């Protein structure tokens, strides 16, 4: 009986912990920081912004870091915390002059 209660407790908590790891942002638009704040955040970090878009309710910055590497940064819209930072693989340009 004790084992069963422990297993049920673990299973009850497991889905909740998975939901916390989700990188979606559920914030009313009225609580969002303006786009200019995202641009300022990028400048402060030495990033060059190619595009700012909204993805899954979060701001997403596509651009380059200070070393010129392609980056994709997911930012929470109300507190401007960085949720995810990824380096993107460079696409090789094919030589079509053969």
PDB file of N, CA and C in Angstrom:
ATOM      1  N   UNK A   1       0.825  -1.198   0.000  1.00  0.00           N
ATOM      2  CA  UNK A   1       0.000   0.000   0.000  1.00  0.00           C
ATOM      3  C   UNK A   1       0.869   1.262   0.000  1.00  0.00           C
ATOM      4  N   UNK A   2       1.939   1.248   0.796  1.00  0.00           N
ATOM      5  CA  UNK A   2       2.819   2.405   0.884  1.00  0.00           C
ATOM      6  C   UNK A   2       3.496   2.662  -0.468  1.00  0.00           C
ATOM      7  N   UNK A   3       3.922   1.569  -1.147  1.00  0.00           N
ATOM      8  CA  UNK A   3       4.545   1.697  -2.465  1.00  0.00           C
ATOM      9  C   UNK A   3       3.578   2.314  -3.458  1.00  0.00           C
ATOM     10  N   UNK A   4       2.342   1.895  -3.414  1.00  0.00           N
ATOM     11  CA  UNK A   4       1.326   2.410  -4.331  1.00  0.00           C
ATOM     12  C   UNK A   4       1.129   3.912  -4.134  1.00  0.00           C
ATOM     13  N   UNK A   5       1.089   4.371  -2.902  1.00  0.00           N
ATOM     14  CA  UNK A   5       0.928   5.791  -2.627  1.00  0.00           C
ATOM     15  C   UNK A   5       2.122   6.599  -3.130  1.00  0.00           C
ATOM     16  N   UNK A   6       3.311   6.047  -2.987  1.00  0.00           N
ATOM     17  CA  UNK A   6       4.511   6.740  -3.474  1.00  0.00           C
ATOM     18  C   UNK A   6       4.467   6.844  -4.993  1.00  0.00           C
ATOM     19  N   UNK A   7       4.107   5.783  -5.663  1.00  0.00           N
ATOM     20  CA  UNK A   7       4.027   5.790  -7.131  1.00  0.00           C
ATOM     21  C   UNK A   7       2.971   6.776  -7.606  1.00  0.00           C
ATOM     22  N   UNK A   8       1.830   6.780  -6.975  1.00  0.00           N
ATOM     23  CA  UNK A   8       0.765   7.718  -7.354  1.00  0.00           C
ATOM     24  C   UNK A   8       1.224   9.156  -7.127  1.00  0.00           C
ATOM     25  N   UNK A   9       1.917   9.395  -6.019  1.00  0.00           N
ATOM     26  CA  UNK A   9       2.425  10.742  -5.736  1.00  0.00           C
ATOM     27  C   UNK A   9       3.406  11.192  -6.811  1.00  0.00           C
ATOM     28  N   UNK A  10       4.309  10.313  -7.210  1.00  0.00           N
ATOM     29  CA  UNK A  10       5.294  10.649  -8.242  1.00  0.00           C
ATOM     30  C   UNK A  10       4.596  10.922  -9.563  1.00  0.00           C
ATOM     31  N   UNK A  11       3.649  10.099  -9.934  1.00  0.00           N
ATOM     32  CA  UNK A  11       2.928  10.293 -11.190  1.00  0.00           C
ATOM     33  C   UNK A  11       2.103  11.571 -11.177  1.00  0.00           C
ATOM     34  N   UNK A  12       1.581  11.942 -10.029  1.00  0.00           N
ATOM     35  CA  UNK A  12       0.788  13.170  -9.928  1.00  0.00           C
ATOM     36  C   UNK A  12       1.666  14.407 -10.092  1.00  0.00           C
ATOM     37  N   UNK A  13       2.892  14.345  -9.636  1.00  0.00           N
ATOM     38  CA  UNK A  13       3.803  15.482  -9.725  1.00  0.00           C
ATOM     39  C   UNK A  13       4.473  15.553 -11.081  1.00  0.00           C
ATOM     40  N   UNK A  14       4.732  14.444 -11.716  1.00  0.00           N
ATOM     41  CA  UNK A  14       5.475  14.404 -12.974  1.00  0.00           C
ATOM     42  C   UNK A  14       4.890  15.288 -14.071  1.00  0.00           C
ATOM     43  N   UNK A  15       3.595  15.219 -14.388  1.00  0.00           N
ATOM     44  CA  UNK A  15       3.072  16.098 -15.436  1.00  0.00           C
ATOM     45  C   UNK A  15       3.215  17.578 -15.098  1.00  0.00           C
ATOM     46  N   UNK A  16       3.093  17.922 -13.852  1.00  0.00           N
ATOM     47  CA  UNK A  16       3.238  19.325 -13.454  1.00  0.00           C
ATOM     48  C   UNK A  16       4.664  19.799 -13.683  1.00  0.00           C
ATOM     49  N   UNK A  17       5.643  18.966 -13.394  1.00  0.00           N
ATOM     50  CA  UNK A  17       7.027  19.368 -13.609  1.00  0.00           C
ATOM     51  C   UNK A  17       7.341  19.495 -15.086  1.00  0.00           C
ATOM     52  N   UNK A  18       6.709  18.691 -15.921  1.00  0.00           N
ATOM     53  CA  UNK A  18       6.895  18.822 -17.373  1.00  0.00           C
ATOM     54  C   UNK A  18       6.322  20.140 -17.867  1.00  0.00           C
ATOM     55  N   UNK A  19       5.207  20.535 -17.334  1.00  0.00           N
ATOM     56  CA  UNK A  19       4.583  21.793 -17.750  1.00  0.00           C
ATOM     57  C   UNK A  19       5.442  22.983 -17.366  1.00  0.00           C
ATOM     58  N   UNK A  20       6.151  22.904 -16.258  1.00  0.00           N
ATOM     59  CA  UNK A  20       7.010  24.000 -15.836  1.00  0.00           C
ATOM     60  C   UNK A  20       8.201  24.175 -16.763  1.00  0.00           C
ATOM     61  N   UNK A  21       8.611  23.108 -17.437  1.00  0.00           N
ATOM     62  CA  UNK A  21       9.754  23.178 -18.341  1.00  0.00           C
ATOM     63  C   UNK A  21       9.369  23.754 -19.703  1.00  0.00           C
ATOM     64  N   UNK A  22       8.104  23.991 -19.930  1.00  0.00           N
ATOM     65  CA  UNK A  22       7.622  24.520 -21.198  1.00  0.00           C
ATOM     66  C   UNK A  22       8.136  25.935 -21.397  1.00  0.00           C
ATOM     67  N   UNK A  23       8.511  26.276 -22.639  1.00  0.00           N
ATOM     68  CA  UNK A  23       9.040  27.612 -22.885  1.00  0.00           C
ATOM     69  C   UNK A  23       8.018  28.540 -23.529  1.00  0.00           C
ATOM     70  N   UNK A  24       6.734  28.199 -23.437  1.00  0.00           N
ATOM     71  CA  UNK A  24       5.685  29.100 -23.908  1.00  0.00           C
ATOM     72  C   UNK A  24       5.488  30.207 -22.881  1.00  0.00           C
ATOM     73  N   UNK A  25       5.084  31.379 -23.371  1.00  0.00           N
ATOM     74  CA  UNK A  25       4.859  32.519 -22.481  1.00  0.00           C
ATOM     75  C   UNK A  25       3.369  32.850 -22.512  1.00  0.00           C
ATOM     76  N   UNK A  26       2.718  32.732 -21.386  1.00  0.00           N
ATOM     77  CA  UNK A  26       1.295  33.029 -21.302  1.00  0.00           C
ATOM     78  C   UNK A  26       1.113  34.305 -20.494  1.00  0.00           C
ATOM     79  N   UNK A  27       1.190  35.450 -21.183  1.00  0.00           N
ATOM     80  CA  UNK A  27       1.110  36.747 -20.536  1.00  0.00           C
ATOM     81  C   UNK A  27       0.152  37.616 -21.342  1.00  0.00           C
ATOM     82  N   UNK A  28      -0.771  38.307 -20.691  1.00  0.00           N
ATOM     83  CA  UNK A  28      -1.649  39.219 -21.436  1.00  0.00           C
ATOM     84  C   UNK A  28      -0.812  40.303 -22.132  1.00  0.00           C
ATOM     85  N   UNK A  29      -1.206  40.662 -23.339  1.00  0.00           N
ATOM     86  CA  UNK A  29      -0.464  41.662 -24.115  1.00  0.00           C
ATOM     87  C   UNK A  29      -0.311  42.985 -23.360  1.00  0.00           C
ATOM     88  N   UNK A  30      -1.255  43.316 -22.503  1.00  0.00           N
ATOM     89  CA  UNK A  30      -1.179  44.557 -21.733  1.00  0.00           C
ATOM     90  C   UNK A  30       0.026  44.575 -20.790  1.00  0.00           C
ATOM     91  N   UNK A  31       0.537  43.394 -20.439  1.00  0.00           N
ATOM     92  CA  UNK A  31       1.675  43.286 -19.523  1.00  0.00           C
ATOM     93  C   UNK A  31       3.016  43.166 -20.239  1.00  0.00           C
ATOM     94  N   UNK A  32       3.022  43.220 -21.560  1.00  0.00           N
ATOM     95  CA  UNK A  32       4.259  43.051 -22.330  1.00  0.00           C
ATOM     96  C   UNK A  32       5.096  44.318 -22.312  1.00  0.00           C
ATOM     97  N   UNK A  33       6.398  44.137 -22.287  1.00  0.00           N
ATOM     98  CA  UNK A  33       7.334  45.233 -22.498  1.00  0.00           C
ATOM     99  C   UNK A  33       7.289  45.580 -23.993  1.00  0.00           C
ATOM    100  N   UNK A  34       7.516  46.850 -24.355  1.00  0.00           N
ATOM    101  CA  UNK A  34       7.477  47.217 -25.774  1.00  0.00           C
ATOM    102  C   UNK A  34       8.653  46.621 -26.542  1.00  0.00           C
ATOM    103  N   UNK A  35       8.485  46.540 -27.841  1.00  0.00           N
ATOM    104  CA  UNK A  35       9.523  46.000 -28.727  1.00  0.00           C
ATOM    105  C   UNK A  35      10.851  46.741 -28.575  1.00  0.00           C
ATOM    106  N   UNK A  36      10.774  48.029 -28.300  1.00  0.00           N
ATOM    107  CA  UNK A  36      11.987  48.827 -28.127  1.00  0.00           C
ATOM    108  C   UNK A  36      12.837  48.287 -26.967  1.00  0.00           C
ATOM    109  N   UNK A  37      12.190  47.728 -25.959  1.00  0.00           N
ATOM    110  CA  UNK A  37      12.919  47.154 -24.826  1.00  0.00           C
ATOM    111  C   UNK A  37      13.718  45.931 -25.257  1.00  0.00           C
ATOM    112  N   UNK A  38      13.176  45.162 -26.198  1.00  0.00           N
ATOM    113  CA  UNK A  38      13.884  43.991 -26.727  1.00  0.00           C
ATOM    114  C   UNK A  38      15.103  44.451 -27.520  1.00  0.00           C
ATOM    115  N   UNK A  39      14.929  45.509 -28.311  1.00  0.00           N
ATOM    116  CA  UNK A  39      16.043  46.053 -29.081  1.00  0.00           C
ATOM    117  C   UNK A  39      17.148  46.532 -28.146  1.00  0.00           C
ATOM    118  N   UNK A  40      16.765  47.203 -27.065  1.00  0.00           N
ATOM    119  CA  UNK A  40      17.733  47.691 -26.087  1.00  0.00           C
ATOM    120  C   UNK A  40      18.456  46.527 -25.405  1.00  0.00           C
ATOM    121  N   UNK A  41      17.721  45.476 -25.049  1.00  0.00           N
ATOM    122  CA  UNK A  41      18.316  44.284 -24.447  1.00  0.00           C
ATOM    123  C   UNK A  41      19.375  43.703 -25.382  1.00  0.00           C
ATOM    124  N   UNK A  42      19.056  43.628 -26.668  1.00  0.00           N
ATOM    125  CA  UNK A  42      19.995  43.091 -27.651  1.00  0.00           C
ATOM    126  C   UNK A  42      21.251  43.964 -27.736  1.00  0.00           C
ATOM    127  N   UNK A  43      21.062  45.266 -27.786  1.00  0.00           N
ATOM    128  CA  UNK A  43      22.197  46.190 -27.866  1.00  0.00           C
ATOM    129  C   UNK A  43      23.099  46.058 -26.638  1.00  0.00           C
ATOM    130  N   UNK A  44      22.480  45.948 -25.469  1.00  0.00           N
ATOM    131  CA  UNK A  44      23.252  45.822 -24.223  1.00  0.00           C
ATOM    132  C   UNK A  44      24.094  44.549 -24.195  1.00  0.00           C
ATOM    133  N   UNK A  45      23.647  43.515 -24.905  1.00  0.00           N
ATOM    134  CA  UNK A  45      24.366  42.249 -24.955  1.00  0.00           C
ATOM    135  C   UNK A  45      25.303  42.152 -26.155  1.00  0.00           C
ATOM    136  N   UNK A  46      25.348  43.200 -26.970  1.00  0.00           N
ATOM    137  CA  UNK A  46      26.236  43.206 -28.134  1.00  0.00           C
ATOM    138  C   UNK A  46      25.709  42.407 -29.306  1.00  0.00           C
ATOM    139  N   UNK A  47      24.401  42.183 -29.339  1.00  0.00           N
ATOM    140  CA  UNK A  47      23.793  41.411 -30.427  1.00  0.00           C
ATOM    141  C   UNK A  47      23.348  42.343 -31.544  1.00  0.00           C
ATOM    142  N   UNK A  48      23.434  41.850 -32.770  1.00  0.00           N
ATOM    143  CA  UNK A  48      22.873  42.535 -33.927  1.00  0.00           C
ATOM    144  C   UNK A  48      21.557  41.849 -34.256  1.00  0.00           C
ATOM    145  N   UNK A  49      20.480  42.601 -34.283  1.00  0.00           N
ATOM    146  CA  UNK A  49      19.150  42.022 -34.507  1.00  0.00           C
ATOM    147  C   UNK A  49      18.831  41.995 -35.993  1.00  0.00           C
ATOM    148  N   UNK A  50      18.481  40.822 -36.468  1.00  0.00           N
ATOM    149  CA  UNK A  50      18.000  40.679 -37.839  1.00  0.00           C
ATOM    150  C   UNK A  50      16.484  40.765 -37.851  1.00  0.00           C
ATOM    151  N   UNK A  51      15.869  40.126 -36.836  1.00  0.00           N
ATOM    152  CA  UNK A  51      14.407  40.106 -36.776  1.00  0.00           C
ATOM    153  C   UNK A  51      13.963  39.832 -35.346  1.00  0.00           C
ATOM    154  N   UNK A  52      12.882  40.493 -34.949  1.00  0.00           N
ATOM    155  CA  UNK A  52      12.212  40.201 -33.683  1.00  0.00           C
ATOM    156  C   UNK A  52      10.815  39.721 -34.041  1.00  0.00           C
ATOM    157  N   UNK A  53      10.464  38.547 -33.537  1.00  0.00           N
ATOM    158  CA  UNK A  53       9.123  38.028 -33.814  1.00  0.00           C
ATOM    159  C   UNK A  53       8.521  37.486 -32.524  1.00  0.00           C
ATOM    160  N   UNK A  54       7.275  37.100 -32.611  1.00  0.00           N
ATOM    161  CA  UNK A  54       6.580  36.490 -31.478  1.00  0.00           C
ATOM    162  C   UNK A  54       6.369  35.022 -31.811  1.00  0.00           C
ATOM    163  N   UNK A  55       6.805  34.153 -30.896  1.00  0.00           N
ATOM    164  CA  UNK A  55       6.666  32.714 -31.091  1.00  0.00           C
ATOM    165  C   UNK A  55       6.218  32.098 -29.770  1.00  0.00           C
ATOM    166  N   UNK A  56       5.110  31.383 -29.791  1.00  0.00           N
ATOM    167  CA  UNK A  56       4.541  30.764 -28.589  1.00  0.00           C
ATOM    168  C   UNK A  56       4.335  31.777 -27.470  1.00  0.00           C
ATOM    169  N   UNK A  57       3.977  33.005 -27.837  1.00  0.00           N
ATOM    170  CA  UNK A  57       3.696  34.042 -26.855  1.00  0.00           C
ATOM    171  C   UNK A  57       4.929  34.699 -26.275  1.00  0.00           C
ATOM    172  N   UNK A  58       6.111  34.358 -26.779  1.00  0.00           N
ATOM    173  CA  UNK A  58       7.366  34.943 -26.312  1.00  0.00           C
ATOM    174  C   UNK A  58       7.967  35.791 -27.430  1.00  0.00           C
ATOM    175  N   UNK A  59       8.810  36.737 -27.047  1.00  0.00           N
ATOM    176  CA  UNK A  59       9.624  37.425 -28.042  1.00  0.00           C
ATOM    177  C   UNK A  59      10.729  36.470 -28.477  1.00  0.00           C
ATOM    178  N   UNK A  60      11.076  36.524 -29.755  1.00  0.00           N
ATOM    179  CA  UNK A  60      12.193  35.738 -30.254  1.00  0.00           C
ATOM    180  C   UNK A  60      13.080  36.646 -31.093  1.00  0.00           C
ATOM    181  N   UNK A  61      14.343  36.693 -30.756  1.00  0.00           N
ATOM    182  CA  UNK A  61      15.312  37.509 -31.475  1.00  0.00           C
ATOM    183  C   UNK A  61      16.133  36.598 -32.372  1.00  0.00           C
ATOM    184  N   UNK A  62      16.171  36.917 -33.656  1.00  0.00           N
ATOM    185  CA  UNK A  62      17.081  36.263 -34.592  1.00  0.00           C
ATOM    186  C   UNK A  62      18.142  37.282 -34.936  1.00  0.00           C
ATOM    187  N   UNK A  63      19.387  36.893 -34.814  1.00  0.00           N
ATOM    188  CA  UNK A  63      20.450  37.843 -35.109  1.00  0.00           C
ATOM    189  C   UNK A  63      21.813  37.224 -34.965  1.00  0.00           C
ATOM    190  N   UNK A  64      22.777  38.062 -34.566  1.00  0.00           N
ATOM    191  CA  UNK A  64      24.159  37.620 -34.392  1.00  0.00           C
ATOM    192  C   UNK A  64      24.694  38.150 -33.068  1.00  0.00           C
ATOM    193  N   UNK A  65      25.562  37.352 -32.442  1.00  0.00           N
ATOM    194  CA  UNK A  65      26.185  37.813 -31.204  1.00  0.00           C
ATOM    195  C   UNK A  65      27.379  38.705 -31.532  1.00  0.00           C
ATOM    196  N   UNK A  66      28.098  39.151 -30.518  1.00  0.00           N
ATOM    197  CA  UNK A  66      29.217  40.071 -30.709  1.00  0.00           C
ATOM    198  C   UNK A  66      30.339  39.454 -31.547  1.00  0.00           C
ATOM    199  N   UNK A  67      30.444  38.130 -31.582  1.00  0.00           N
ATOM    200  CA  UNK A  67      31.467  37.448 -32.377  1.00  0.00           C
ATOM    201  C   UNK A  67      30.983  37.119 -33.788  1.00  0.00           C
ATOM    202  N   UNK A  68      29.747  37.490 -34.116  1.00  0.00           N
ATOM    203  CA  UNK A  68      29.212  37.258 -35.453  1.00  0.00           C
ATOM    204  C   UNK A  68      28.515  35.923 -35.649  1.00  0.00           C
ATOM    205  N   UNK A  69      28.358  35.144 -34.581  1.00  0.00           N
ATOM    206  CA  UNK A  69      27.662  33.857 -34.694  1.00  0.00           C
ATOM    207  C   UNK A  69      26.163  34.076 -34.714  1.00  0.00           C
ATOM    208  N   UNK A  70      25.468  33.288 -35.528  1.00  0.00           N
ATOM    209  CA  UNK A  70      24.010  33.389 -35.590  1.00  0.00           C
ATOM    210  C   UNK A  70      23.409  32.890 -34.285  1.00  0.00           C
ATOM    211  N   UNK A  71      22.431  33.648 -33.771  1.00  0.00           N
ATOM    212  CA  UNK A  71      21.774  33.286 -32.516  1.00  0.00           C
ATOM    213  C   UNK A  71      20.266  33.371 -32.658  1.00  0.00           C
ATOM    214  N   UNK A  72      19.607  32.645 -31.786  1.00  0.00           N
ATOM    215  CA  UNK A  72      18.160  32.737 -31.623  1.00  0.00           C
ATOM    216  C   UNK A  72      17.918  32.782 -30.121  1.00  0.00           C
ATOM    217  N   UNK A  73      17.295  33.867 -29.658  1.00  0.00           N
ATOM    218  CA  UNK A  73      17.098  34.081 -28.232  1.00  0.00           C
ATOM    219  C   UNK A  73      15.610  34.237 -27.954  1.00  0.00           C
ATOM    220  N   UNK A  74      15.091  33.440 -27.036  1.00  0.00           N
ATOM    221  CA  UNK A  74      13.696  33.540 -26.615  1.00  0.00           C
ATOM    222  C   UNK A  74      13.658  34.340 -25.319  1.00  0.00           C
ATOM    223  N   UNK A  75      12.806  35.378 -25.307  1.00  0.00           N
ATOM    224  CA  UNK A  75      12.754  36.313 -24.179  1.00  0.00           C
ATOM    225  C   UNK A  75      11.319  36.397 -23.662  1.00  0.00           C
ATOM    226  N   UNK A  76      11.172  36.354 -22.341  1.00  0.00           N
ATOM    227  CA  UNK A  76       9.851  36.486 -21.716  1.00  0.00           C
ATOM    228  C   UNK A  76       9.349  37.910 -21.959  1.00  0.00           C
ATOM    229  N   UNK A  77       8.120  38.082 -22.414  1.00  0.00           N
ATOM    230  CA  UNK A  77       7.647  39.404 -22.819  1.00  0.00           C
ATOM    231  C   UNK A  77       7.367  40.391 -21.686  1.00  0.00           C
ATOM    232  N   UNK A  78       7.145  39.908 -20.474  1.00  0.00           N
ATOM    233  CA  UNK A  78       6.802  40.860 -19.414  1.00  0.00           C
ATOM    234  C   UNK A  78       7.978  41.235 -18.521  1.00  0.00           C
ATOM    235  N   UNK A  79       8.973  40.339 -18.378  1.00  0.00           N
ATOM    236  CA  UNK A  79      10.094  40.646 -17.490  1.00  0.00           C
ATOM    237  C   UNK A  79      11.445  40.651 -18.213  1.00  0.00           C
ATOM    238  N   UNK A  80      11.422  40.368 -19.517  1.00  0.00           N
ATOM    239  CA  UNK A  80      12.606  40.380 -20.383  1.00  0.00           C
ATOM    240  C   UNK A  80      13.695  39.407 -19.945  1.00  0.00           C
ATOM    241  N   UNK A  81      13.313  38.363 -19.232  1.00  0.00           N
ATOM    242  CA  UNK A  81      14.278  37.324 -18.876  1.00  0.00           C
ATOM    243  C   UNK A  81      14.515  36.432 -20.085  1.00  0.00           C
ATOM    244  N   UNK A  82      15.755  36.029 -20.278  1.00  0.00           N
ATOM    245  CA  UNK A  82      16.100  35.131 -21.377  1.00  0.00           C
ATOM    246  C   UNK A  82      15.677  33.727 -20.985  1.00  0.00           C
ATOM    247  N   UNK A  83      14.806  33.151 -21.793  1.00  0.00           N
ATOM    248  CA  UNK A  83      14.294  31.811 -21.532  1.00  0.00           C
ATOM    249  C   UNK A  83      15.172  30.769 -22.212  1.00  0.00           C
ATOM    250  N   UNK A  84      15.609  31.084 -23.424  1.00  0.00           N
ATOM    251  CA  UNK A  84      16.418  30.139 -24.189  1.00  0.00           C
ATOM    252  C   UNK A  84      17.375  30.925 -25.078  1.00  0.00           C
ATOM    253  N   UNK A  85      18.596  30.428 -25.196  1.00  0.00           N
ATOM    254  CA  UNK A  85      19.617  31.048 -26.038  1.00  0.00           C
ATOM    255  C   UNK A  85      20.242  29.933 -26.856  1.00  0.00           C
ATOM    256  N   UNK A  86      20.150  30.042 -28.188  1.00  0.00           N
ATOM    257  CA  UNK A  86      20.690  29.006 -29.067  1.00  0.00           C
ATOM    258  C   UNK A  86      21.619  29.625 -30.095  1.00  0.00           C
ATOM    259  N   UNK A  87      22.696  28.900 -30.388  1.00  0.00           N
ATOM    260  CA  UNK A  87      23.523  29.248 -31.531  1.00  0.00           C
ATOM    261  C   UNK A  87      22.983  28.461 -32.715  1.00  0.00           C
ATOM    262  N   UNK A  88      22.744  29.148 -33.813  1.00  0.00           N
ATOM    263  CA  UNK A  88      22.224  28.518 -35.013  1.00  0.00           C
ATOM    264  C   UNK A  88      23.378  28.082 -35.899  1.00  0.00           C
ATOM    265  N   UNK A  89      23.219  26.962 -36.574  1.00  0.00           N
ATOM    266  CA  UNK A  89      24.238  26.495 -37.513  1.00  0.00           C
ATOM    267  C   UNK A  89      24.220  27.375 -38.740  1.00  0.00           C
ATOM    268  N   UNK A  90      25.402  27.693 -39.222  1.00  0.00           N
ATOM    269  CA  UNK A  90      25.526  28.484 -40.443  1.00  0.00           C
ATOM    270  C   UNK A  90      25.183  27.596 -41.631  1.00  0.00           C
ATOM    271  N   UNK A  91      24.402  28.142 -42.539  1.00  0.00           N
ATOM    272  CA  UNK A  91      24.092  27.415 -43.765  1.00  0.00           C
ATOM    273  C   UNK A  91      25.200  27.695 -44.757  1.00  0.00           C
ATOM    274  N   UNK A  92      25.754  26.622 -45.314  1.00  0.00           N
ATOM    275  CA  UNK A  92      26.826  26.791 -46.279  1.00  0.00           C
ATOM    276  C   UNK A  92      26.240  27.226 -47.611  1.00  0.00           C
ATOM    277  N   UNK A  93      26.867  28.240 -48.192  1.00  0.00           N
ATOM    278  CA  UNK A  93      26.435  28.699 -49.500  1.00  0.00           C
ATOM    279  C   UNK A  93      27.065  27.816 -50.561  1.00  0.00           C
ATOM    280  N   UNK A  94      26.250  27.354 -51.474  1.00  0.00           N
ATOM    281  CA  UNK A  94      26.751  26.503 -52.539  1.00  0.00           C
ATOM    282  C   UNK A  94      27.294  27.359 -53.665  1.00  0.00           C
ATOM    283  N   UNK A  95      28.363  26.878 -54.268  1.00  0.00           N
ATOM    284  CA  UNK A  95      28.961  27.574 -55.395  1.00  0.00           C
ATOM    285  C   UNK A  95      28.244  27.131 -56.659  1.00  0.00           C
ATOM    286  N   UNK A  96      27.517  28.037 -57.283  1.00  0.00           N
ATOM    287  CA  UNK A  96      26.751  27.696 -58.493  1.00  0.00           C
ATOM    288  C   UNK A  96      27.458  28.149 -59.754  1.00  0.00           C
ATOM    289  N   UNK A  97      28.757  28.457 -59.658  1.00  0.00           N
ATOM    290  CA  UNK A  97      29.504  28.946 -60.805  1.00  0.00           C
ATOM    291  C   UNK A  97      30.284  27.836 -61.493  1.00  0.00           C
ATOM    292  N   UNK A  98      29.885  26.610 -61.371  1.00  0.00           N
ATOM    293  CA  UNK A  98      30.620  25.483 -61.996  1.00  0.00           C
ATOM    294  C   UNK A  98      30.346  25.442 -63.453  1.00  0.00           C
TER     295      UNK A  98
END
